PDB file of N, CA and C in Angstrom:
ATOM      1  N   MET A   1       8.269  24.323 -10.382  1.00  0.00           N
ATOM      2  CA  MET A   1       8.610  24.976  -9.157  1.00  0.00           C
ATOM      3  C   MET A   1      10.033  24.606  -8.736  1.00  0.00           C
ATOM      4  N   ALA A   2      10.427  23.356  -8.922  1.00  0.00           N
ATOM      5  CA  ALA A   2      11.773  22.930  -8.531  1.00  0.00           C
ATOM      6  C   ALA A   2      12.839  23.717  -9.287  1.00  0.00           C
ATOM      7  N   LYS A   3      12.550  24.078 -10.535  1.00  0.00           N
ATOM      8  CA  LYS A   3      13.526  24.845 -11.323  1.00  0.00           C
ATOM      9  C   LYS A   3      13.536  26.319 -10.924  1.00  0.00           C
ATOM     10  N   LYS A   4      12.379  26.860 -10.526  1.00  0.00           N
ATOM     11  CA  LYS A   4      12.305  28.271 -10.136  1.00  0.00           C
ATOM     12  C   LYS A   4      12.918  28.530  -8.765  1.00  0.00           C
ATOM     13  N   LEU A   5      12.867  27.547  -7.886  1.00  0.00           N
ATOM     14  CA  LEU A   5      13.372  27.700  -6.516  1.00  0.00           C
ATOM     15  C   LEU A   5      14.374  26.585  -6.213  1.00  0.00           C
ATOM     16  N   PRO A   6      15.568  26.655  -6.789  1.00  0.00           N
ATOM     17  CA  PRO A   6      16.520  25.549  -6.645  1.00  0.00           C
ATOM     18  C   PRO A   6      16.977  25.285  -5.214  1.00  0.00           C
ATOM     19  N   SER A   7      16.825  26.252  -4.313  1.00  0.00           N
ATOM     20  CA  SER A   7      17.233  26.000  -2.930  1.00  0.00           C
ATOM     21  C   SER A   7      16.163  25.217  -2.151  1.00  0.00           C
ATOM     22  N   PHE A   8      14.974  25.069  -2.743  1.00  0.00           N
ATOM     23  CA  PHE A   8      13.902  24.289  -2.128  1.00  0.00           C
ATOM     24  C   PHE A   8      13.843  22.918  -2.786  1.00  0.00           C
ATOM     25  N   LEU A   9      13.582  21.896  -2.004  1.00  0.00           N
ATOM     26  CA  LEU A   9      13.342  20.568  -2.562  1.00  0.00           C
ATOM     27  C   LEU A   9      11.845  20.434  -2.799  1.00  0.00           C
ATOM     28  N   VAL A  10      11.471  20.201  -4.054  1.00  0.00           N
ATOM     29  CA  VAL A  10      10.062  20.099  -4.420  1.00  0.00           C
ATOM     30  C   VAL A  10       9.837  18.726  -5.036  1.00  0.00           C
ATOM     31  N   ASN A  11       9.105  17.886  -4.346  1.00  0.00           N
ATOM     32  CA  ASN A  11       8.813  16.542  -4.818  1.00  0.00           C
ATOM     33  C   ASN A  11       7.355  16.222  -4.548  1.00  0.00           C
ATOM     34  N   SER A  12       6.875  15.155  -5.153  1.00  0.00           N
ATOM     35  CA  SER A  12       5.544  14.645  -4.826  1.00  0.00           C
ATOM     36  C   SER A  12       5.691  13.172  -4.468  1.00  0.00           C
ATOM     37  N   VAL A  13       4.696  12.666  -3.742  1.00  0.00           N
ATOM     38  CA  VAL A  13       4.814  11.298  -3.238  1.00  0.00           C
ATOM     39  C   VAL A  13       3.449  10.623  -3.187  1.00  0.00           C
ATOM     40  N   CYS A  14       3.436   9.347  -3.499  1.00  0.00           N
ATOM     41  CA  CYS A  14       2.267   8.496  -3.301  1.00  0.00           C
ATOM     42  C   CYS A  14       2.611   7.550  -2.157  1.00  0.00           C
ATOM     43  N   PRO A  15       1.840   7.559  -1.078  1.00  0.00           N
ATOM     44  CA  PRO A  15       2.159   6.705   0.061  1.00  0.00           C
ATOM     45  C   PRO A  15       1.770   5.246  -0.139  1.00  0.00           C
ATOM     46  N   GLY A  16       1.086   4.949  -1.221  1.00  0.00           N
ATOM     47  CA  GLY A  16       0.588   3.596  -1.438  1.00  0.00           C
ATOM     48  C   GLY A  16      -0.870   3.503  -1.006  1.00  0.00           C
ATOM     49  N   PHE A  17      -1.420   2.305  -1.067  1.00  0.00           N
ATOM     50  CA  PHE A  17      -2.827   2.050  -0.732  1.00  0.00           C
ATOM     51  C   PHE A  17      -2.921   1.853   0.780  1.00  0.00           C
ATOM     52  N   VAL A  18      -3.288   2.928   1.482  1.00  0.00           N
ATOM     53  CA  VAL A  18      -3.234   2.966   2.949  1.00  0.00           C
ATOM     54  C   VAL A  18      -4.611   2.672   3.552  1.00  0.00           C
ATOM     55  N   GLN A  19      -4.606   1.958   4.663  1.00  0.00           N
ATOM     56  CA  GLN A  19      -5.829   1.618   5.399  1.00  0.00           C
ATOM     57  C   GLN A  19      -6.374   2.869   6.089  1.00  0.00           C
ATOM     58  N   THR A  20      -7.348   3.509   5.446  1.00  0.00           N
ATOM     59  CA  THR A  20      -7.974   4.711   6.002  1.00  0.00           C
ATOM     60  C   THR A  20      -9.487   4.579   5.860  1.00  0.00           C
ATOM     61  N   ASP A  21     -10.215   5.531   6.395  1.00  0.00           N
ATOM     62  CA  ASP A  21     -11.672   5.519   6.245  1.00  0.00           C
ATOM     63  C   ASP A  21     -12.072   5.593   4.775  1.00  0.00           C
ATOM     64  N   ILE A  22     -11.321   6.348   3.986  1.00  0.00           N
ATOM     65  CA  ILE A  22     -11.674   6.516   2.570  1.00  0.00           C
ATOM     66  C   ILE A  22     -11.504   5.213   1.778  1.00  0.00           C
ATOM     67  N   THR A  23     -10.640   4.304   2.268  1.00  0.00           N
ATOM     68  CA  THR A  23     -10.460   2.998   1.613  1.00  0.00           C
ATOM     69  C   THR A  23     -11.210   1.902   2.365  1.00  0.00           C
ATOM     70  N   CYS A  24     -12.086   2.302   3.296  1.00  0.00           N
ATOM     71  CA  CYS A  24     -12.826   1.345   4.139  1.00  0.00           C
ATOM     72  C   CYS A  24     -11.871   0.376   4.836  1.00  0.00           C
ATOM     73  N   SER A  25     -10.700   0.877   5.180  1.00  0.00           N
ATOM     74  CA  SER A  25      -9.656   0.110   5.882  1.00  0.00           C
ATOM     75  C   SER A  25      -9.203  -1.123   5.112  1.00  0.00           C
ATOM     76  N   THR A  26      -9.294  -1.081   3.777  1.00  0.00           N
ATOM     77  CA  THR A  26      -8.883  -2.230   2.967  1.00  0.00           C
ATOM     78  C   THR A  26      -7.501  -2.053   2.356  1.00  0.00           C
ATOM     79  N   GLY A  27      -6.806  -0.994   2.707  1.00  0.00           N
ATOM     80  CA  GLY A  27      -5.491  -0.735   2.129  1.00  0.00           C
ATOM     81  C   GLY A  27      -4.463  -1.783   2.503  1.00  0.00           C
ATOM     82  N   LEU A  28      -3.353  -1.767   1.797  1.00  0.00           N
ATOM     83  CA  LEU A  28      -2.263  -2.714   2.036  1.00  0.00           C
ATOM     84  C   LEU A  28      -1.323  -2.259   3.139  1.00  0.00           C
ATOM     85  N   PHE A  29      -1.338  -0.957   3.451  1.00  0.00           N
ATOM     86  CA  PHE A  29      -0.394  -0.395   4.411  1.00  0.00           C
ATOM     87  C   PHE A  29      -1.139   0.266   5.566  1.00  0.00           C
ATOM     88  N   THR A  30      -0.567   0.179   6.760  1.00  0.00           N
ATOM     89  CA  THR A  30      -1.120   0.871   7.919  1.00  0.00           C
ATOM     90  C   THR A  30      -0.845   2.364   7.768  1.00  0.00           C
ATOM     91  N   PRO A  31      -1.566   3.213   8.485  1.00  0.00           N
ATOM     92  CA  PRO A  31      -1.264   4.647   8.420  1.00  0.00           C
ATOM     93  C   PRO A  31       0.196   4.980   8.749  1.00  0.00           C
ATOM     94  N   PRO A  32       0.803   4.377   9.784  1.00  0.00           N
ATOM     95  CA  PRO A  32       2.223   4.678  10.013  1.00  0.00           C
ATOM     96  C   PRO A  32       3.120   4.272   8.834  1.00  0.00           C
ATOM     97  N   GLN A  33       2.807   3.149   8.194  1.00  0.00           N
ATOM     98  CA  GLN A  33       3.583   2.746   7.020  1.00  0.00           C
ATOM     99  C   GLN A  33       3.364   3.730   5.875  1.00  0.00           C
ATOM    100  N   GLY A  34       2.138   4.204   5.703  1.00  0.00           N
ATOM    101  CA  GLY A  34       1.838   5.175   4.655  1.00  0.00           C
ATOM    102  C   GLY A  34       2.516   6.507   4.889  1.00  0.00           C
ATOM    103  N   ALA A  35       2.765   6.841   6.140  1.00  0.00           N
ATOM    104  CA  ALA A  35       3.411   8.114   6.474  1.00  0.00           C
ATOM    105  C   ALA A  35       4.919   8.092   6.254  1.00  0.00           C
ATOM    106  N   GLU A  36       5.510   6.905   6.149  1.00  0.00           N
ATOM    107  CA  GLU A  36       6.971   6.808   6.032  1.00  0.00           C
ATOM    108  C   GLU A  36       7.528   7.618   4.861  1.00  0.00           C
ATOM    109  N   SER A  37       6.955   7.465   3.677  1.00  0.00           N
ATOM    110  CA  SER A  37       7.489   8.151   2.491  1.00  0.00           C
ATOM    111  C   SER A  37       7.349   9.667   2.569  1.00  0.00           C
ATOM    112  N   PRO A  38       6.166  10.214   2.908  1.00  0.00           N
ATOM    113  CA  PRO A  38       6.067  11.672   3.018  1.00  0.00           C
ATOM    114  C   PRO A  38       6.993  12.251   4.085  1.00  0.00           C
ATOM    115  N   VAL A  39       7.118  11.579   5.219  1.00  0.00           N
ATOM    116  CA  VAL A  39       8.005  12.076   6.275  1.00  0.00           C
ATOM    117  C   VAL A  39       9.455  12.006   5.818  1.00  0.00           C
ATOM    118  N   TRP A  40       9.824  10.920   5.166  1.00  0.00           N
ATOM    119  CA  TRP A  40      11.187  10.759   4.635  1.00  0.00           C
ATOM    120  C   TRP A  40      11.515  11.904   3.672  1.00  0.00           C
ATOM    121  N   LEU A  41      10.586  12.228   2.765  1.00  0.00           N
ATOM    122  CA  LEU A  41      10.823  13.327   1.826  1.00  0.00           C
ATOM    123  C   LEU A  41      10.907  14.666   2.543  1.00  0.00           C
ATOM    124  N   ALA A  42      10.064  14.873   3.538  1.00  0.00           N
ATOM    125  CA  ALA A  42      10.072  16.144   4.274  1.00  0.00           C
ATOM    126  C   ALA A  42      11.378  16.365   5.022  1.00  0.00           C
ATOM    127  N   LEU A  43      12.064  15.296   5.368  1.00  0.00           N
ATOM    128  CA  LEU A  43      13.293  15.403   6.151  1.00  0.00           C
ATOM    129  C   LEU A  43      14.568  15.247   5.327  1.00  0.00           C
ATOM    130  N   LEU A  44      14.454  15.266   4.005  1.00  0.00           N
ATOM    131  CA  LEU A  44      15.651  15.161   3.165  1.00  0.00           C
ATOM    132  C   LEU A  44      16.591  16.330   3.437  1.00  0.00           C
ATOM    133  N   PRO A  45      17.886  16.066   3.425  1.00  0.00           N
ATOM    134  CA  PRO A  45      18.839  17.154   3.650  1.00  0.00           C
ATOM    135  C   PRO A  45      18.952  18.057   2.423  1.00  0.00           C
ATOM    136  N   GLN A  46      19.481  19.244   2.639  1.00  0.00           N
ATOM    137  CA  GLN A  46      19.747  20.176   1.539  1.00  0.00           C
ATOM    138  C   GLN A  46      20.565  19.455   0.474  1.00  0.00           C
ATOM    139  N   GLY A  47      20.232  19.669  -0.781  1.00  0.00           N
ATOM    140  CA  GLY A  47      20.947  19.033  -1.877  1.00  0.00           C
ATOM    141  C   GLY A  47      20.377  17.681  -2.259  1.00  0.00           C
ATOM    142  N   GLY A  48      19.288  17.275  -1.608  1.00  0.00           N
ATOM    143  CA  GLY A  48      18.646  16.003  -1.940  1.00  0.00           C
ATOM    144  C   GLY A  48      17.925  16.098  -3.275  1.00  0.00           C
ATOM    145  N   PRO A  49      17.269  15.019  -3.685  1.00  0.00           N
ATOM    146  CA  PRO A  49      16.570  15.025  -4.969  1.00  0.00           C
ATOM    147  C   PRO A  49      15.431  16.039  -4.982  1.00  0.00           C
ATOM    148  N   SER A  50      15.153  16.589  -6.159  1.00  0.00           N
ATOM    149  CA  SER A  50      14.087  17.568  -6.302  1.00  0.00           C
ATOM    150  C   SER A  50      13.455  17.440  -7.679  1.00  0.00           C
ATOM    151  N   GLY A  51      12.178  17.756  -7.764  1.00  0.00           N
ATOM    152  CA  GLY A  51      11.470  17.708  -9.036  1.00  0.00           C
ATOM    153  C   GLY A  51      11.071  16.304  -9.449  1.00  0.00           C
ATOM    154  N   LEU A  52      10.938  15.405  -8.469  1.00  0.00           N
ATOM    155  CA  LEU A  52      10.658  14.006  -8.779  1.00  0.00           C
ATOM    156  C   LEU A  52       9.351  13.545  -8.139  1.00  0.00           C
ATOM    157  N   PHE A  53       8.844  12.419  -8.642  1.00  0.00           N
ATOM    158  CA  PHE A  53       7.674  11.761  -8.067  1.00  0.00           C
ATOM    159  C   PHE A  53       8.141  10.465  -7.429  1.00  0.00           C
ATOM    160  N   PHE A  54       7.731  10.235  -6.196  1.00  0.00           N
ATOM    161  CA  PHE A  54       8.134   9.040  -5.467  1.00  0.00           C
ATOM    162  C   PHE A  54       6.920   8.185  -5.136  1.00  0.00           C
ATOM    163  N   HIS A  55       7.123   6.885  -5.169  1.00  0.00           N
ATOM    164  CA  HIS A  55       6.128   5.923  -4.696  1.00  0.00           C
ATOM    165  C   HIS A  55       6.832   5.005  -3.717  1.00  0.00           C
ATOM    166  N   ARG A  56       6.429   5.081  -2.438  1.00  0.00           N
ATOM    167  CA  ARG A  56       7.030   4.257  -1.387  1.00  0.00           C
ATOM    168  C   ARG A  56       8.551   4.411  -1.338  1.00  0.00           C
ATOM    169  N   LYS A  57       9.032   5.630  -1.333  1.00  0.00           N
ATOM    170  CA  LYS A  57      10.446   6.016  -1.235  1.00  0.00           C
ATOM    171  C   LYS A  57      11.273   5.684  -2.478  1.00  0.00           C
ATOM    172  N   GLN A  58      10.633   5.325  -3.562  1.00  0.00           N
ATOM    173  CA  GLN A  58      11.336   5.026  -4.805  1.00  0.00           C
ATOM    174  C   GLN A  58      10.899   6.021  -5.880  1.00  0.00           C
ATOM    175  N   VAL A  59      11.860   6.498  -6.675  1.00  0.00           N
ATOM    176  CA  VAL A  59      11.523   7.385  -7.787  1.00  0.00           C
ATOM    177  C   VAL A  59      10.649   6.610  -8.762  1.00  0.00           C
ATOM    178  N   SER A  60       9.579   7.247  -9.199  1.00  0.00           N
ATOM    179  CA  SER A  60       8.640   6.619 -10.116  1.00  0.00           C
ATOM    180  C   SER A  60       8.398   7.544 -11.301  1.00  0.00           C
ATOM    181  N   SER A  61       8.122   6.960 -12.444  1.00  0.00           N
ATOM    182  CA  SER A  61       7.829   7.759 -13.639  1.00  0.00           C
ATOM    183  C   SER A  61       6.353   8.139 -13.703  1.00  0.00           C
ATOM    184  N   PHE A  62       5.565   7.707 -12.718  1.00  0.00           N
ATOM    185  CA  PHE A  62       4.149   7.977 -12.587  1.00  0.00           C
ATOM    186  C   PHE A  62       3.425   7.047 -13.478  1.00  0.00           C
TER     187      PHE A  62
END
């Protein structure tokens, strides 16, 4: 998708192991901490990175 729509930034992100009901609140990060990476990616300026996978705001090879 990133190659088909170069004017759009298309990335994926893992917020980390977040304290939620699905993890029985045993995660390492609070919900606000888990939201940091997705929000950061959503607010990237035009011309930012695209077609990448991020884990906690860092590019990851998955």
